[in-house]
Amino acid sequence: MSRIGKKPIKIESAATVTAEGGTVTVSGPKGKLNCVLPQGVSLQQDKGQLLLSADTTSAKGRMFLGLARSLIQGMMTGVATGYRKELTIEGVGFRGQVVGQKLTLSLGFSHPVVYQAPAGLKITMPEQTRIVIEGSDKHLVGEAAAQIRRFRPPDAYKGKGVRHAGEKVTLKEGKTVG
C-alpha cells in the first residue's frame, strides 16, 4: 500500500473541490482543472481535507493510489498559487519577444522560431533573453518549457542555446592544435 496515497490532502482556502462519479474537479482563482480517478480509487471529503482510499480487492487501486493523490495535490496547488518555469537564452544575437500568445525566438537559424502558447498558459519576457511560463496545470507548464528548450538546447562547446534558469552546462574542451 502506498504511504503517499494514505496522506490527507488539505483543501486550500481559495480552492473548491467537487467529485462526481470518478471525476474530480478543482477550481480556484488561477483556473479550473479536472482529473479522472483510476479504477479502484475512491475519494471522500472530510473537514477541509480529502482522503483517498484504494479498493483492497483490486491490485490496480493499490497501485494507483499514490499517483491519484499526487495528481490531486498538484491540481490543488496549481489553482491556488500556480506553477512557473523560467528559461534563459544564451548566445550572441539570440533573443525573443512575445506578441499575444505567440513567442518569437531568434536562435541563430535562417528563420525566426514561432511558438504558439497553448490555452491556459501565460508566457512573458521581462528581458529579451528571459522567458517566464506561468499556468495552473503543472504538466502543461513543464511541457511548454521542454518544447521551447528543444528548439535550441545548450551547445556542449560554447553553451549557446535555451536553458532552464539556473541550469549549469558543463562545456567540453575544444580541439587543440599541436
Protein backbone atom coordinates (compact mmCIF):
# COMPACT_ATOMS: atom_id res chain seq x y z
CA MET A 1 0.00 0.00 0.00
CA SER A 2 1.26 3.47 -0.84
CA ARG A 3 2.42 5.67 2.04
CA ILE A 4 1.94 8.79 -0.07
CA GLY A 5 -1.60 7.81 -1.01
CA LYS A 6 -2.66 7.49 2.62
CA LYS A 7 -1.79 11.11 3.46
CA PRO A 8 -4.76 13.50 3.53
CA ILE A 9 -4.84 16.41 1.06
CA LYS A 10 -5.54 19.78 2.69
CA ILE A 11 -8.06 21.79 0.68
CA GLU A 12 -6.63 25.26 0.06
CA SER A 13 -8.83 28.14 1.26
CA ALA A 14 -9.02 29.57 -2.27
CA ALA A 15 -9.91 26.22 -3.89
CA THR A 16 -13.19 24.33 -4.19
CA VAL A 17 -13.37 20.61 -4.88
CA THR A 18 -16.24 18.65 -6.42
CA ALA A 19 -16.23 14.93 -7.05
CA GLU A 20 -18.84 13.38 -9.32
CA GLY A 21 -18.52 9.73 -10.21
CA GLY A 22 -14.87 9.16 -10.95
CA THR A 23 -14.07 12.76 -11.92
CA VAL A 24 -12.53 15.29 -9.53
CA THR A 25 -12.82 19.00 -10.38
CA VAL A 26 -10.71 21.58 -8.54
CA SER A 27 -11.35 25.27 -9.18
CA GLY A 28 -9.74 28.38 -7.77
CA PRO A 29 -8.50 31.86 -8.66
CA LYS A 30 -5.92 30.54 -11.16
CA GLY A 31 -8.32 28.29 -13.10
CA LYS A 32 -10.21 25.03 -13.13
CA LEU A 33 -8.70 21.55 -13.55
CA ASN A 34 -10.22 18.07 -13.94
CA CYS A 35 -8.85 14.62 -13.19
CA VAL A 36 -10.34 11.18 -13.65
CA LEU A 37 -9.63 8.87 -10.74
CA PRO A 38 -8.12 5.49 -11.65
CA GLN A 39 -10.32 2.45 -11.29
CA GLY A 40 -10.30 1.15 -7.72
CA VAL A 41 -9.54 4.52 -6.10
CA SER A 42 -12.26 6.43 -4.22
CA LEU A 43 -12.35 9.91 -2.71
CA GLN A 44 -14.01 11.23 0.46
CA GLN A 45 -14.23 14.86 1.57
CA ASP A 46 -13.93 15.40 5.34
CA LYS A 47 -13.46 18.62 7.37
CA GLY A 48 -11.44 20.64 4.86
CA GLN A 49 -9.37 17.73 3.60
CA LEU A 50 -9.59 14.96 1.03
CA LEU A 51 -8.96 11.31 1.82
CA LEU A 52 -8.19 8.76 -0.87
CA SER A 53 -8.69 5.06 -0.40
CA ALA A 54 -8.00 2.04 -2.57
CA ASP A 55 -10.18 -0.97 -3.17
CA THR A 56 -8.39 -3.74 -1.27
CA THR A 57 -9.51 -6.44 -3.73
CA SER A 58 -8.12 -4.56 -6.74
CA ALA A 59 -4.38 -4.51 -7.38
CA LYS A 60 -4.80 -1.53 -9.73
CA GLY A 61 -6.45 0.51 -7.00
CA ARG A 62 -3.50 -0.03 -4.67
CA MET A 63 -1.02 0.67 -7.48
CA PHE A 64 -2.58 3.99 -8.50
CA LEU A 65 -3.41 5.36 -5.04
CA GLY A 66 -0.19 7.40 -4.71
CA LEU A 67 -0.46 8.66 -8.29
CA ALA A 68 -4.03 9.84 -7.77
CA ARG A 69 -3.07 11.66 -4.58
CA SER A 70 -0.11 13.39 -6.25
CA LEU A 71 -2.26 14.48 -9.20
CA ILE A 72 -4.97 15.95 -6.97
CA GLN A 73 -2.37 17.68 -4.77
CA GLY A 74 -0.79 19.18 -7.90
CA MET A 75 -4.17 20.41 -9.10
CA MET A 76 -4.84 21.97 -5.69
CA THR A 77 -1.51 23.85 -5.73
CA GLY A 78 -2.00 24.87 -9.37
CA VAL A 79 -5.40 26.52 -8.95
CA ALA A 80 -4.41 28.22 -5.68
CA THR A 81 -0.87 29.53 -6.40
CA GLY A 82 0.02 28.32 -9.92
CA TYR A 83 3.24 26.98 -11.41
CA ARG A 84 6.12 28.89 -13.00
CA LYS A 85 9.15 27.93 -15.11
CA GLU A 86 11.91 30.26 -16.23
CA LEU A 87 14.15 29.79 -19.25
CA THR A 88 17.19 31.83 -20.26
CA ILE A 89 18.60 32.34 -23.74
CA GLU A 90 22.40 32.35 -24.06
CA GLY A 91 24.27 33.41 -27.18
CA VAL A 92 25.23 36.48 -29.16
CA GLY A 93 22.23 37.73 -31.11
CA PHE A 94 19.87 35.19 -29.54
CA ARG A 95 16.69 36.86 -28.29
CA GLY A 96 12.95 36.66 -28.31
CA GLN A 97 9.72 38.57 -27.97
CA VAL A 98 6.12 37.83 -27.07
CA VAL A 99 3.17 39.19 -29.04
CA GLY A 100 -0.15 38.00 -27.63
CA GLN A 101 0.13 34.22 -27.24
CA LYS A 102 2.98 33.85 -29.77
CA LEU A 103 6.60 33.60 -28.71
CA THR A 104 9.03 34.50 -31.50
CA LEU A 105 12.64 33.45 -30.96
CA SER A 106 15.76 34.38 -32.91
CA LEU A 107 18.12 31.46 -32.21
CA GLY A 108 20.73 31.69 -34.96
CA PHE A 109 18.68 29.92 -37.64
CA SER A 110 17.90 31.47 -41.03
CA HIS A 111 14.31 31.97 -39.86
CA PRO A 112 12.64 33.00 -36.61
CA VAL A 113 11.14 30.21 -34.50
CA VAL A 114 7.48 30.83 -33.56
CA TYR A 115 5.84 29.02 -30.63
CA GLN A 116 2.08 29.30 -30.12
CA ALA A 117 1.33 29.04 -26.40
CA PRO A 118 -1.49 26.63 -25.55
CA ALA A 119 -4.63 27.87 -23.81
CA GLY A 120 -4.18 28.18 -20.07
CA LEU A 121 -0.55 29.35 -20.21
CA LYS A 122 0.85 32.85 -19.89
CA ILE A 123 4.25 33.49 -21.46
CA THR A 124 6.10 36.71 -20.70
CA MET A 125 9.59 38.03 -21.38
CA PRO A 126 10.77 40.57 -18.78
CA GLU A 127 14.05 40.77 -20.74
CA GLN A 128 14.89 39.74 -24.31
CA THR A 129 16.83 36.75 -23.00
CA ARG A 130 14.49 35.54 -20.23
CA ILE A 131 11.26 33.60 -20.77
CA VAL A 132 8.71 33.10 -17.96
CA ILE A 133 5.97 30.48 -18.37
CA GLU A 134 3.09 30.50 -15.87
CA GLY A 135 -0.06 28.44 -15.54
CA SER A 136 -2.21 26.32 -13.25
CA ASP A 137 -1.50 22.93 -14.90
CA LYS A 138 1.89 21.58 -13.82
CA HIS A 139 2.14 19.19 -16.77
CA LEU A 140 1.29 21.89 -19.32
CA VAL A 141 3.84 24.37 -17.89
CA GLY A 142 6.61 21.75 -17.87
CA GLU A 143 5.80 20.50 -21.37
CA ALA A 144 5.81 24.05 -22.80
CA ALA A 145 9.21 24.74 -21.19
CA ALA A 146 10.58 21.48 -22.62
CA GLN A 147 9.27 22.25 -26.12
CA ILE A 148 10.81 25.73 -26.12
CA ARG A 149 14.13 24.33 -24.84
CA ARG A 150 14.10 21.72 -27.64
CA PHE A 151 14.25 24.46 -30.30
CA ARG A 152 17.91 25.06 -29.42
CA PRO A 153 19.31 23.02 -26.50
CA PRO A 154 22.54 24.31 -24.94
CA ASP A 155 25.61 23.64 -27.08
CA ALA A 156 28.25 21.45 -25.41
CA TYR A 157 31.19 23.57 -26.64
CA LYS A 158 30.05 27.20 -26.34
CA GLY A 159 26.96 26.90 -24.12
CA LYS A 160 24.72 28.78 -26.57
CA GLY A 161 21.02 27.94 -26.63
CA VAL A 162 17.91 27.86 -24.45
CA ARG A 163 18.28 26.51 -20.92
CA HIS A 164 16.31 26.38 -17.69
CA ALA A 165 17.10 29.19 -15.25
CA GLY A 166 19.92 28.07 -13.01
CA GLU A 167 20.85 25.08 -15.22
CA LYS A 168 24.58 24.50 -15.31
CA VAL A 169 26.04 23.37 -18.62
CA THR A 170 29.43 21.69 -18.49
CA LEU A 171 31.41 22.79 -21.51
CA LYS A 172 33.63 20.35 -23.37
CA GLU A 173 37.18 21.24 -24.22
CA GLY A 174 37.71 22.00 -27.91
CA LYS A 175 40.38 20.54 -30.17
CA THR A 176 43.93 21.65 -29.54
CA VAL A 177 46.37 22.26 -32.36
CA GLY A 178 49.72 20.83 -31.67
